Amino acid sequence: MLHGFSGKNPQAMSVRVEGIEPRPFIVKRGQQSDTQPSTSSVDRSPALLPTALAHIASRNQSVPIRLLIDTGSEVSFITEHIIKSLNIQRRLSPIQIIGIGGQQVTHSK
C-alpha cells in the first residue's frame, strides 16, 4: 500500500506516469433476469479498464509497472513482487477490505 509509506525521506519513492493507455481486460458480467429468477445470461463483451504505464522508483532502483486506475478506490495497493524488488518496508495498517460482490477479505498483509 503506497498511502502509508513511512520511509525517513518521503521523497525517496516516486511514481512517474508515462501515459494512460486503455488496455482491454476481459470482465465477464453475470446478469440475472428480472422476470425469471432461475434464468441467467452472461454478457461476454469485453470491458475496458483504464491503465497506465509507470515507473516506481526507490533510491537507486526503478521498476516498470502497469497501474489499474480505479477512480472509486479509497486506497492503493502494490504487489508483493514490487515490495520485494524495491526493498520496501511495510507498516502495520489495519484496514477493512471489501472486494468484488461485497466479499470482505479477512486478512491483509
PDB file of N, CA and C in Angstrom:
ATOM      1  N   MET A   1       0.843  -1.170   0.000  1.00  0.00           N
ATOM      2  CA  MET A   1       0.000   0.000   0.000  1.00  0.00           C
ATOM      3  C   MET A   1       0.886   1.230   0.000  1.00  0.00           C
ATOM      4  N   LEU A   2       0.732   2.121  -0.922  1.00  0.00           N
ATOM      5  CA  LEU A   2       1.577   3.296  -1.016  1.00  0.00           C
ATOM      6  C   LEU A   2       1.151   4.415  -0.081  1.00  0.00           C
ATOM      7  N   HIS A   3      -0.113   4.474   0.324  1.00  0.00           N
ATOM      8  CA  HIS A   3      -0.584   5.579   1.149  1.00  0.00           C
ATOM      9  C   HIS A   3       0.137   5.676   2.481  1.00  0.00           C
ATOM     10  N   GLY A   4       0.638   4.582   2.992  1.00  0.00           N
ATOM     11  CA  GLY A   4       1.242   4.595   4.315  1.00  0.00           C
ATOM     12  C   GLY A   4       2.751   4.548   4.299  1.00  0.00           C
ATOM     13  N   PHE A   5       3.425   4.954   3.221  1.00  0.00           N
ATOM     14  CA  PHE A   5       4.878   4.863   3.157  1.00  0.00           C
ATOM     15  C   PHE A   5       5.483   5.700   4.261  1.00  0.00           C
ATOM     16  N   SER A   6       6.334   5.058   5.060  1.00  0.00           N
ATOM     17  CA  SER A   6       6.869   5.747   6.228  1.00  0.00           C
ATOM     18  C   SER A   6       8.390   5.796   6.217  1.00  0.00           C
ATOM     19  N   GLY A   7       8.995   5.910   5.062  1.00  0.00           N
ATOM     20  CA  GLY A   7      10.442   5.999   4.981  1.00  0.00           C
ATOM     21  C   GLY A   7      10.936   7.286   5.606  1.00  0.00           C
ATOM     22  N   LYS A   8      12.243   7.338   5.902  1.00  0.00           N
ATOM     23  CA  LYS A   8      12.811   8.537   6.509  1.00  0.00           C
ATOM     24  C   LYS A   8      12.722   9.727   5.563  1.00  0.00           C
ATOM     25  N   ASN A   9      12.857   9.472   4.276  1.00  0.00           N
ATOM     26  CA  ASN A   9      12.796  10.524   3.279  1.00  0.00           C
ATOM     27  C   ASN A   9      11.531  10.335   2.448  1.00  0.00           C
ATOM     28  N   PRO A  10      10.503  11.188   2.626  1.00  0.00           N
ATOM     29  CA  PRO A  10       9.267  10.992   1.874  1.00  0.00           C
ATOM     30  C   PRO A  10       9.461  11.134   0.368  1.00  0.00           C
ATOM     31  N   GLN A  11      10.557  11.748  -0.070  1.00  0.00           N
ATOM     32  CA  GLN A  11      10.834  11.897  -1.494  1.00  0.00           C
ATOM     33  C   GLN A  11      11.580  10.698  -2.060  1.00  0.00           C
ATOM     34  N   ALA A  12      11.914   9.711  -1.230  1.00  0.00           N
ATOM     35  CA  ALA A  12      12.706   8.562  -1.668  1.00  0.00           C
ATOM     36  C   ALA A  12      11.941   7.670  -2.631  1.00  0.00           C
ATOM     37  N   MET A  13      10.639   7.749  -2.632  1.00  0.00           N
ATOM     38  CA  MET A  13       9.834   6.925  -3.531  1.00  0.00           C
ATOM     39  C   MET A  13       8.996   7.846  -4.402  1.00  0.00           C
ATOM     40  N   SER A  14       8.994   7.573  -5.686  1.00  0.00           N
ATOM     41  CA  SER A  14       8.191   8.391  -6.585  1.00  0.00           C
ATOM     42  C   SER A  14       7.602   7.516  -7.676  1.00  0.00           C
ATOM     43  N   VAL A  15       6.515   7.979  -8.242  1.00  0.00           N
ATOM     44  CA  VAL A  15       5.874   7.280  -9.351  1.00  0.00           C
ATOM     45  C   VAL A  15       5.769   8.260 -10.510  1.00  0.00           C
ATOM     46  N   ARG A  16       6.250   7.844 -11.671  1.00  0.00           N
ATOM     47  CA  ARG A  16       6.173   8.684 -12.869  1.00  0.00           C
ATOM     48  C   ARG A  16       5.261   7.978 -13.861  1.00  0.00           C
ATOM     49  N   VAL A  17       4.177   8.639 -14.237  1.00  0.00           N
ATOM     50  CA  VAL A  17       3.220   8.056 -15.174  1.00  0.00           C
ATOM     51  C   VAL A  17       3.560   8.546 -16.574  1.00  0.00           C
ATOM     52  N   GLU A  18       3.743   7.594 -17.502  1.00  0.00           N
ATOM     53  CA  GLU A  18       4.123   7.948 -18.864  1.00  0.00           C
ATOM     54  C   GLU A  18       2.924   8.243 -19.753  1.00  0.00           C
ATOM     55  N   GLY A  19       1.793   7.734 -19.423  1.00  0.00           N
ATOM     56  CA  GLY A  19       0.611   7.995 -20.248  1.00  0.00           C
ATOM     57  C   GLY A  19      -0.453   6.958 -20.002  1.00  0.00           C
ATOM     58  N   ILE A  20      -1.672   7.348 -20.174  1.00  0.00           N
ATOM     59  CA  ILE A  20      -2.779   6.426 -19.960  1.00  0.00           C
ATOM     60  C   ILE A  20      -3.024   5.675 -21.258  1.00  0.00           C
ATOM     61  N   GLU A  21      -2.987   4.372 -21.169  1.00  0.00           N
ATOM     62  CA  GLU A  21      -3.238   3.522 -22.324  1.00  0.00           C
ATOM     63  C   GLU A  21      -4.352   2.548 -21.976  1.00  0.00           C
ATOM     64  N   PRO A  22      -5.560   2.754 -22.489  1.00  0.00           N
ATOM     65  CA  PRO A  22      -6.599   1.765 -22.218  1.00  0.00           C
ATOM     66  C   PRO A  22      -6.162   0.401 -22.734  1.00  0.00           C
ATOM     67  N   ARG A  23      -6.297  -0.591 -21.917  1.00  0.00           N
ATOM     68  CA  ARG A  23      -5.905  -1.943 -22.292  1.00  0.00           C
ATOM     69  C   ARG A  23      -7.044  -2.867 -21.899  1.00  0.00           C
ATOM     70  N   PRO A  24      -7.535  -3.671 -22.825  1.00  0.00           N
ATOM     71  CA  PRO A  24      -8.708  -4.479 -22.505  1.00  0.00           C
ATOM     72  C   PRO A  24      -8.406  -5.613 -21.533  1.00  0.00           C
ATOM     73  N   PHE A  25      -9.141  -5.656 -20.453  1.00  0.00           N
ATOM     74  CA  PHE A  25      -9.163  -6.789 -19.539  1.00  0.00           C
ATOM     75  C   PHE A  25     -10.553  -7.372 -19.708  1.00  0.00           C
ATOM     76  N   ILE A  26     -10.644  -8.660 -19.934  1.00  0.00           N
ATOM     77  CA  ILE A  26     -11.951  -9.274 -20.132  1.00  0.00           C
ATOM     78  C   ILE A  26     -12.630  -9.435 -18.778  1.00  0.00           C
ATOM     79  N   VAL A  27     -13.778  -8.838 -18.651  1.00  0.00           N
ATOM     80  CA  VAL A  27     -14.570  -8.946 -17.431  1.00  0.00           C
ATOM     81  C   VAL A  27     -15.892  -9.568 -17.828  1.00  0.00           C
ATOM     82  N   LYS A  28     -16.173 -10.751 -17.309  1.00  0.00           N
ATOM     83  CA  LYS A  28     -17.434 -11.421 -17.625  1.00  0.00           C
ATOM     84  C   LYS A  28     -18.453 -11.035 -16.571  1.00  0.00           C
ATOM     85  N   ARG A  29     -19.519 -10.447 -17.029  1.00  0.00           N
ATOM     86  CA  ARG A  29     -20.544  -9.969 -16.112  1.00  0.00           C
ATOM     87  C   ARG A  29     -21.765 -10.870 -16.177  1.00  0.00           C
ATOM     88  N   GLY A  30     -22.210 -11.347 -15.024  1.00  0.00           N
ATOM     89  CA  GLY A  30     -23.434 -12.135 -14.970  1.00  0.00           C
ATOM     90  C   GLY A  30     -24.610 -11.197 -14.793  1.00  0.00           C
ATOM     91  N   GLN A  31     -25.687 -11.489 -15.444  1.00  0.00           N
ATOM     92  CA  GLN A  31     -26.848 -10.618 -15.379  1.00  0.00           C
ATOM     93  C   GLN A  31     -28.074 -11.465 -15.078  1.00  0.00           C
ATOM     94  N   GLN A  32     -28.685 -11.242 -13.939  1.00  0.00           N
ATOM     95  CA  GLN A  32     -29.859 -12.002 -13.525  1.00  0.00           C
ATOM     96  C   GLN A  32     -31.100 -11.407 -14.170  1.00  0.00           C
ATOM     97  N   SER A  33     -31.954 -12.243 -14.719  1.00  0.00           N
ATOM     98  CA  SER A  33     -33.196 -11.797 -15.344  1.00  0.00           C
ATOM     99  C   SER A  33     -34.188 -11.368 -14.273  1.00  0.00           C
ATOM    100  N   ASP A  34     -34.907 -10.256 -14.516  1.00  0.00           N
ATOM    101  CA  ASP A  34     -35.887  -9.766 -13.554  1.00  0.00           C
ATOM    102  C   ASP A  34     -37.169 -10.592 -13.573  1.00  0.00           C
ATOM    103  N   THR A  35     -37.518 -11.166 -14.718  1.00  0.00           N
ATOM    104  CA  THR A  35     -38.790 -11.864 -14.834  1.00  0.00           C
ATOM    105  C   THR A  35     -38.702 -13.336 -14.468  1.00  0.00           C
ATOM    106  N   GLN A  36     -37.548 -13.950 -14.633  1.00  0.00           N
ATOM    107  CA  GLN A  36     -37.372 -15.358 -14.310  1.00  0.00           C
ATOM    108  C   GLN A  36     -36.125 -15.517 -13.435  1.00  0.00           C
ATOM    109  N   PRO A  37     -36.299 -15.499 -12.112  1.00  0.00           N
ATOM    110  CA  PRO A  37     -35.148 -15.542 -11.208  1.00  0.00           C
ATOM    111  C   PRO A  37     -34.228 -16.747 -11.403  1.00  0.00           C
ATOM    112  N   SER A  38     -34.724 -17.843 -11.949  1.00  0.00           N
ATOM    113  CA  SER A  38     -33.878 -19.027 -12.104  1.00  0.00           C
ATOM    114  C   SER A  38     -33.058 -18.999 -13.397  1.00  0.00           C
ATOM    115  N   THR A  39     -33.285 -18.014 -14.238  1.00  0.00           N
ATOM    116  CA  THR A  39     -32.581 -17.921 -15.516  1.00  0.00           C
ATOM    117  C   THR A  39     -31.565 -16.789 -15.459  1.00  0.00           C
ATOM    118  N   SER A  40     -30.372 -17.066 -15.980  1.00  0.00           N
ATOM    119  CA  SER A  40     -29.371 -16.005 -16.038  1.00  0.00           C
ATOM    120  C   SER A  40     -28.680 -16.039 -17.388  1.00  0.00           C
ATOM    121  N   SER A  41     -28.122 -14.925 -17.770  1.00  0.00           N
ATOM    122  CA  SER A  41     -27.353 -14.851 -19.008  1.00  0.00           C
ATOM    123  C   SER A  41     -26.037 -14.146 -18.716  1.00  0.00           C
ATOM    124  N   VAL A  42     -25.043 -14.391 -19.553  1.00  0.00           N
ATOM    125  CA  VAL A  42     -23.730 -13.787 -19.350  1.00  0.00           C
ATOM    126  C   VAL A  42     -23.412 -12.900 -20.540  1.00  0.00           C
ATOM    127  N   ASP A  43     -23.055 -11.666 -20.246  1.00  0.00           N
ATOM    128  CA  ASP A  43     -22.609 -10.734 -21.277  1.00  0.00           C
ATOM    129  C   ASP A  43     -21.121 -10.980 -21.497  1.00  0.00           C
ATOM    130  N   ARG A  44     -20.740 -11.452 -22.662  1.00  0.00           N
ATOM    131  CA  ARG A  44     -19.347 -11.802 -22.937  1.00  0.00           C
ATOM    132  C   ARG A  44     -18.571 -10.687 -23.636  1.00  0.00           C
ATOM    133  N   SER A  45     -19.128  -9.501 -23.694  1.00  0.00           N
ATOM    134  CA  SER A  45     -18.396  -8.404 -24.321  1.00  0.00           C
ATOM    135  C   SER A  45     -17.303  -7.911 -23.369  1.00  0.00           C
ATOM    136  N   PRO A  46     -16.153  -7.526 -23.925  1.00  0.00           N
ATOM    137  CA  PRO A  46     -15.057  -7.076 -23.059  1.00  0.00           C
ATOM    138  C   PRO A  46     -15.367  -5.723 -22.430  1.00  0.00           C
ATOM    139  N   ALA A  47     -14.879  -5.520 -21.225  1.00  0.00           N
ATOM    140  CA  ALA A  47     -14.991  -4.234 -20.549  1.00  0.00           C
ATOM    141  C   ALA A  47     -13.593  -3.632 -20.486  1.00  0.00           C
ATOM    142  N   LEU A  48     -13.465  -2.381 -20.898  1.00  0.00           N
ATOM    143  CA  LEU A  48     -12.165  -1.725 -20.874  1.00  0.00           C
ATOM    144  C   LEU A  48     -11.946  -1.061 -19.524  1.00  0.00           C
ATOM    145  N   LEU A  49     -10.826  -1.371 -18.902  1.00  0.00           N
ATOM    146  CA  LEU A  49     -10.452  -0.763 -17.637  1.00  0.00           C
ATOM    147  C   LEU A  49      -9.252   0.142 -17.889  1.00  0.00           C
ATOM    148  N   PRO A  50      -9.269   1.383 -17.389  1.00  0.00           N
ATOM    149  CA  PRO A  50      -8.157   2.295 -17.657  1.00  0.00           C
ATOM    150  C   PRO A  50      -6.886   1.865 -16.921  1.00  0.00           C
ATOM    151  N   THR A  51      -5.781   1.851 -17.660  1.00  0.00           N
ATOM    152  CA  THR A  51      -4.479   1.524 -17.088  1.00  0.00           C
ATOM    153  C   THR A  51      -3.460   2.547 -17.566  1.00  0.00           C
ATOM    154  N   ALA A  52      -2.300   2.556 -16.930  1.00  0.00           N
ATOM    155  CA  ALA A  52      -1.211   3.445 -17.338  1.00  0.00           C
ATOM    156  C   ALA A  52       0.114   2.751 -17.081  1.00  0.00           C
ATOM    157  N   LEU A  53       1.083   3.020 -17.943  1.00  0.00           N
ATOM    158  CA  LEU A  53       2.441   2.546 -17.708  1.00  0.00           C
ATOM    159  C   LEU A  53       3.140   3.567 -16.826  1.00  0.00           C
ATOM    160  N   ALA A  54       3.913   3.085 -15.865  1.00  0.00           N
ATOM    161  CA  ALA A  54       4.615   3.983 -14.949  1.00  0.00           C
ATOM    162  C   ALA A  54       5.914   3.328 -14.504  1.00  0.00           C
ATOM    163  N   HIS A  55       6.766   4.116 -13.883  1.00  0.00           N
ATOM    164  CA  HIS A  55       7.983   3.608 -13.252  1.00  0.00           C
ATOM    165  C   HIS A  55       7.909   4.008 -11.790  1.00  0.00           C
ATOM    166  N   ILE A  56       8.077   3.050 -10.908  1.00  0.00           N
ATOM    167  CA  ILE A  56       8.110   3.350  -9.485  1.00  0.00           C
ATOM    168  C   ILE A  56       9.562   3.233  -9.047  1.00  0.00           C
ATOM    169  N   ALA A  57      10.045   4.257  -8.349  1.00  0.00           N
ATOM    170  CA  ALA A  57      11.463   4.316  -8.002  1.00  0.00           C
ATOM    171  C   ALA A  57      11.649   4.485  -6.505  1.00  0.00           C
ATOM    172  N   SER A  58      12.673   3.841  -5.989  1.00  0.00           N
ATOM    173  CA  SER A  58      13.061   3.962  -4.592  1.00  0.00           C
ATOM    174  C   SER A  58      14.580   3.983  -4.544  1.00  0.00           C
ATOM    175  N   ARG A  59      15.127   5.089  -4.159  1.00  0.00           N
ATOM    176  CA  ARG A  59      16.581   5.295  -4.095  1.00  0.00           C
ATOM    177  C   ARG A  59      17.243   5.001  -5.437  1.00  0.00           C
ATOM    178  N   ASN A  60      17.982   3.902  -5.584  1.00  0.00           N
ATOM    179  CA  ASN A  60      18.743   3.629  -6.804  1.00  0.00           C
ATOM    180  C   ASN A  60      18.010   2.738  -7.791  1.00  0.00           C
ATOM    181  N   GLN A  61      16.817   2.287  -7.468  1.00  0.00           N
ATOM    182  CA  GLN A  61      16.117   1.319  -8.307  1.00  0.00           C
ATOM    183  C   GLN A  61      14.878   1.935  -8.947  1.00  0.00           C
ATOM    184  N   SER A  62      14.562   1.437 -10.126  1.00  0.00           N
ATOM    185  CA  SER A  62      13.342   1.829 -10.817  1.00  0.00           C
ATOM    186  C   SER A  62      12.735   0.575 -11.436  1.00  0.00           C
ATOM    187  N   VAL A  63      11.436   0.386 -11.235  1.00  0.00           N
ATOM    188  CA  VAL A  63      10.753  -0.802 -11.737  1.00  0.00           C
ATOM    189  C   VAL A  63       9.566  -0.349 -12.587  1.00  0.00           C
ATOM    190  N   PRO A  64       9.462  -0.855 -13.842  1.00  0.00           N
ATOM    191  CA  PRO A  64       8.290  -0.515 -14.652  1.00  0.00           C
ATOM    192  C   PRO A  64       7.061  -1.274 -14.145  1.00  0.00           C
ATOM    193  N   ILE A  65       5.933  -0.589 -14.091  1.00  0.00           N
ATOM    194  CA  ILE A  65       4.694  -1.201 -13.605  1.00  0.00           C
ATOM    195  C   ILE A  65       3.530  -0.769 -14.494  1.00  0.00           C
ATOM    196  N   ARG A  66       2.442  -1.494 -14.406  1.00  0.00           N
ATOM    197  CA  ARG A  66       1.195  -1.084 -15.049  1.00  0.00           C
ATOM    198  C   ARG A  66       0.197  -0.811 -13.936  1.00  0.00           C
ATOM    199  N   LEU A  67      -0.364   0.386 -13.933  1.00  0.00           N
ATOM    200  CA  LEU A  67      -1.334   0.802 -12.928  1.00  0.00           C
ATOM    201  C   LEU A  67      -2.745   0.520 -13.419  1.00  0.00           C
ATOM    202  N   LEU A  68      -3.579   0.016 -12.555  1.00  0.00           N
ATOM    203  CA  LEU A  68      -5.010  -0.092 -12.828  1.00  0.00           C
ATOM    204  C   LEU A  68      -5.652   1.115 -12.155  1.00  0.00           C
ATOM    205  N   ILE A  69      -6.257   1.965 -12.939  1.00  0.00           N
ATOM    206  CA  ILE A  69      -6.812   3.208 -12.414  1.00  0.00           C
ATOM    207  C   ILE A  69      -8.256   2.962 -12.003  1.00  0.00           C
ATOM    208  N   ASP A  70      -8.513   3.074 -10.706  1.00  0.00           N
ATOM    209  CA  ASP A  70      -9.844   2.862 -10.145  1.00  0.00           C
ATOM    210  C   ASP A  70     -10.244   4.142  -9.426  1.00  0.00           C
ATOM    211  N   THR A  71     -11.064   4.954 -10.066  1.00  0.00           N
ATOM    212  CA  THR A  71     -11.428   6.249  -9.500  1.00  0.00           C
ATOM    213  C   THR A  71     -12.291   6.133  -8.252  1.00  0.00           C
ATOM    214  N   GLY A  72     -12.854   4.967  -8.005  1.00  0.00           N
ATOM    215  CA  GLY A  72     -13.678   4.780  -6.820  1.00  0.00           C
ATOM    216  C   GLY A  72     -12.927   4.171  -5.651  1.00  0.00           C
ATOM    217  N   SER A  73     -11.655   3.899  -5.832  1.00  0.00           N
ATOM    218  CA  SER A  73     -10.868   3.250  -4.788  1.00  0.00           C
ATOM    219  C   SER A  73     -10.486   4.236  -3.688  1.00  0.00           C
ATOM    220  N   GLU A  74     -10.433   3.750  -2.456  1.00  0.00           N
ATOM    221  CA  GLU A  74     -10.055   4.586  -1.324  1.00  0.00           C
ATOM    222  C   GLU A  74      -8.597   4.411  -0.927  1.00  0.00           C
ATOM    223  N   VAL A  75      -7.965   3.332  -1.331  1.00  0.00           N
ATOM    224  CA  VAL A  75      -6.552   3.088  -1.040  1.00  0.00           C
ATOM    225  C   VAL A  75      -5.877   2.527  -2.284  1.00  0.00           C
ATOM    226  N   SER A  76      -4.547   2.537  -2.277  1.00  0.00           N
ATOM    227  CA  SER A  76      -3.776   1.984  -3.389  1.00  0.00           C
ATOM    228  C   SER A  76      -2.991   0.784  -2.898  1.00  0.00           C
ATOM    229  N   PHE A  77      -2.851  -0.221  -3.755  1.00  0.00           N
ATOM    230  CA  PHE A  77      -2.142  -1.439  -3.400  1.00  0.00           C
ATOM    231  C   PHE A  77      -1.031  -1.699  -4.398  1.00  0.00           C
ATOM    232  N   ILE A  78       0.025  -2.367  -3.939  1.00  0.00           N
ATOM    233  CA  ILE A  78       1.078  -2.834  -4.826  1.00  0.00           C
ATOM    234  C   ILE A  78       1.299  -4.313  -4.549  1.00  0.00           C
ATOM    235  N   THR A  79       1.900  -4.997  -5.497  1.00  0.00           N
ATOM    236  CA  THR A  79       2.095  -6.436  -5.359  1.00  0.00           C
ATOM    237  C   THR A  79       3.289  -6.758  -4.470  1.00  0.00           C
ATOM    238  N   GLU A  80       3.299  -7.974  -3.990  1.00  0.00           N
ATOM    239  CA  GLU A  80       4.415  -8.480  -3.184  1.00  0.00           C
ATOM    240  C   GLU A  80       5.717  -8.415  -3.985  1.00  0.00           C
ATOM    241  N   HIS A  81       5.631  -8.668  -5.286  1.00  0.00           N
ATOM    242  CA  HIS A  81       6.815  -8.621  -6.151  1.00  0.00           C
ATOM    243  C   HIS A  81       7.458  -7.227  -6.140  1.00  0.00           C
ATOM    244  N   ILE A  82       6.653  -6.181  -6.220  1.00  0.00           N
ATOM    245  CA  ILE A  82       7.179  -4.811  -6.206  1.00  0.00           C
ATOM    246  C   ILE A  82       7.765  -4.480  -4.840  1.00  0.00           C
ATOM    247  N   ILE A  83       7.110  -4.917  -3.774  1.00  0.00           N
ATOM    248  CA  ILE A  83       7.631  -4.683  -2.421  1.00  0.00           C
ATOM    249  C   ILE A  83       9.026  -5.269  -2.287  1.00  0.00           C
ATOM    250  N   LYS A  84       9.194  -6.504  -2.758  1.00  0.00           N
ATOM    251  CA  LYS A  84      10.500  -7.161  -2.665  1.00  0.00           C
ATOM    252  C   LYS A  84      11.516  -6.541  -3.618  1.00  0.00           C
ATOM    253  N   SER A  85      11.094  -6.191  -4.832  1.00  0.00           N
ATOM    254  CA  SER A  85      12.010  -5.610  -5.818  1.00  0.00           C
ATOM    255  C   SER A  85      12.614  -4.295  -5.346  1.00  0.00           C
ATOM    256  N   LEU A  86      11.821  -3.475  -4.670  1.00  0.00           N
ATOM    257  CA  LEU A  86      12.288  -2.167  -4.220  1.00  0.00           C
ATOM    258  C   LEU A  86      12.703  -2.151  -2.754  1.00  0.00           C
ATOM    259  N   ASN A  87      12.650  -3.321  -2.109  1.00  0.00           N
ATOM    260  CA  ASN A  87      13.026  -3.434  -0.697  1.00  0.00           C
ATOM    261  C   ASN A  87      12.248  -2.429   0.169  1.00  0.00           C
ATOM    262  N   ILE A  88      10.940  -2.415  -0.024  1.00  0.00           N
ATOM    263  CA  ILE A  88      10.070  -1.505   0.720  1.00  0.00           C
ATOM    264  C   ILE A  88       9.695  -2.152   2.047  1.00  0.00           C
ATOM    265  N   GLN A  89       9.789  -1.380   3.123  1.00  0.00           N
ATOM    266  CA  GLN A  89       9.381  -1.895   4.424  1.00  0.00           C
ATOM    267  C   GLN A  89       7.891  -1.624   4.620  1.00  0.00           C
ATOM    268  N   ARG A  90       7.229  -2.608   5.197  1.00  0.00           N
ATOM    269  CA  ARG A  90       5.798  -2.472   5.461  1.00  0.00           C
ATOM    270  C   ARG A  90       5.573  -1.807   6.803  1.00  0.00           C
ATOM    271  N   ARG A  91       4.392  -1.227   6.925  1.00  0.00           N
ATOM    272  CA  ARG A  91       3.956  -0.657   8.190  1.00  0.00           C
ATOM    273  C   ARG A  91       2.560  -1.199   8.457  1.00  0.00           C
ATOM    274  N   LEU A  92       2.336  -1.693   9.657  1.00  0.00           N
ATOM    275  CA  LEU A  92       1.036  -2.245  10.012  1.00  0.00           C
ATOM    276  C   LEU A  92      -0.038  -1.168   9.877  1.00  0.00           C
ATOM    277  N   SER A  93      -1.053  -1.491   9.118  1.00  0.00           N
ATOM    278  CA  SER A  93      -2.147  -0.561   8.879  1.00  0.00           C
ATOM    279  C   SER A  93      -3.439  -1.364   8.791  1.00  0.00           C
ATOM    280  N   PRO A  94      -4.118  -1.580   9.918  1.00  0.00           N
ATOM    281  CA  PRO A  94      -5.340  -2.392   9.887  1.00  0.00           C
ATOM    282  C   PRO A  94      -6.445  -1.677   9.108  1.00  0.00           C
ATOM    283  N   ILE A  95      -6.853  -2.296   8.007  1.00  0.00           N
ATOM    284  CA  ILE A  95      -7.919  -1.735   7.188  1.00  0.00           C
ATOM    285  C   ILE A  95      -8.897  -2.841   6.816  1.00  0.00           C
ATOM    286  N   GLN A  96     -10.108  -2.449   6.556  1.00  0.00           N
ATOM    287  CA  GLN A  96     -11.124  -3.392   6.107  1.00  0.00           C
ATOM    288  C   GLN A  96     -11.149  -3.345   4.584  1.00  0.00           C
ATOM    289  N   ILE A  97     -11.009  -4.508   3.957  1.00  0.00           N
ATOM    290  CA  ILE A  97     -11.014  -4.586   2.503  1.00  0.00           C
ATOM    291  C   ILE A  97     -12.267  -5.333   2.064  1.00  0.00           C
ATOM    292  N   ILE A  98     -13.057  -4.689   1.215  1.00  0.00           N
ATOM    293  CA  ILE A  98     -14.254  -5.320   0.666  1.00  0.00           C
ATOM    294  C   ILE A  98     -14.046  -5.441  -0.832  1.00  0.00           C
ATOM    295  N   GLY A  99     -14.136  -6.660  -1.345  1.00  0.00           N
ATOM    296  CA  GLY A  99     -13.845  -6.929  -2.749  1.00  0.00           C
ATOM    297  C   GLY A  99     -15.077  -6.974  -3.616  1.00  0.00           C
ATOM    298  N   ILE A 100     -14.917  -7.617  -4.743  1.00  0.00           N
ATOM    299  CA  ILE A 100     -15.988  -7.726  -5.732  1.00  0.00           C
ATOM    300  C   ILE A 100     -17.184  -8.448  -5.132  1.00  0.00           C
ATOM    301  N   GLY A 101     -18.355  -7.917  -5.337  1.00  0.00           N
ATOM    302  CA  GLY A 101     -19.580  -8.525  -4.843  1.00  0.00           C
ATOM    303  C   GLY A 101     -19.779  -8.356  -3.344  1.00  0.00           C
ATOM    304  N   GLY A 102     -19.063  -7.410  -2.735  1.00  0.00           N
ATOM    305  CA  GLY A 102     -19.212  -7.163  -1.311  1.00  0.00           C
ATOM    306  C   GLY A 102     -18.535  -8.183  -0.420  1.00  0.00           C
ATOM    307  N   GLN A 103     -17.663  -9.024  -1.001  1.00  0.00           N
ATOM    308  CA  GLN A 103     -16.954 -10.034  -0.217  1.00  0.00           C
ATOM    309  C   GLN A 103     -15.866  -9.364   0.617  1.00  0.00           C
ATOM    310  N   GLN A 104     -15.899  -9.584   1.930  1.00  0.00           N
ATOM    311  CA  GLN A 104     -14.903  -8.992   2.817  1.00  0.00           C
ATOM    312  C   GLN A 104     -13.691  -9.905   2.919  1.00  0.00           C
ATOM    313  N   VAL A 105     -12.511  -9.322   2.732  1.00  0.00           N
ATOM    314  CA  VAL A 105     -11.262 -10.053   2.897  1.00  0.00           C
ATOM    315  C   VAL A 105     -10.948 -10.062   4.386  1.00  0.00           C
ATOM    316  N   THR A 106     -10.662 -11.231   4.920  1.00  0.00           N
ATOM    317  CA  THR A 106     -10.455 -11.327   6.366  1.00  0.00           C
ATOM    318  C   THR A 106      -9.011 -11.112   6.776  1.00  0.00           C
ATOM    319  N   HIS A 107      -8.069 -11.144   5.815  1.00  0.00           N
ATOM    320  CA  HIS A 107      -6.659 -10.997   6.163  1.00  0.00           C
ATOM    321  C   HIS A 107      -5.964 -10.115   5.141  1.00  0.00           C
ATOM    322  N   SER A 108      -5.250  -9.128   5.610  1.00  0.00           N
ATOM    323  CA  SER A 108      -4.419  -8.308   4.726  1.00  0.00           C
ATOM    324  C   SER A 108      -3.032  -8.235   5.331  1.00  0.00           C
ATOM    325  N   LYS A 109      -2.027  -8.095   4.474  1.00  0.00           N
ATOM    326  CA  LYS A 109      -0.642  -8.054   4.961  1.00  0.00           C
ATOM    327  C   LYS A 109      -0.251  -6.654   5.334  1.00  0.00           C
TER     328      LYS A 109
END
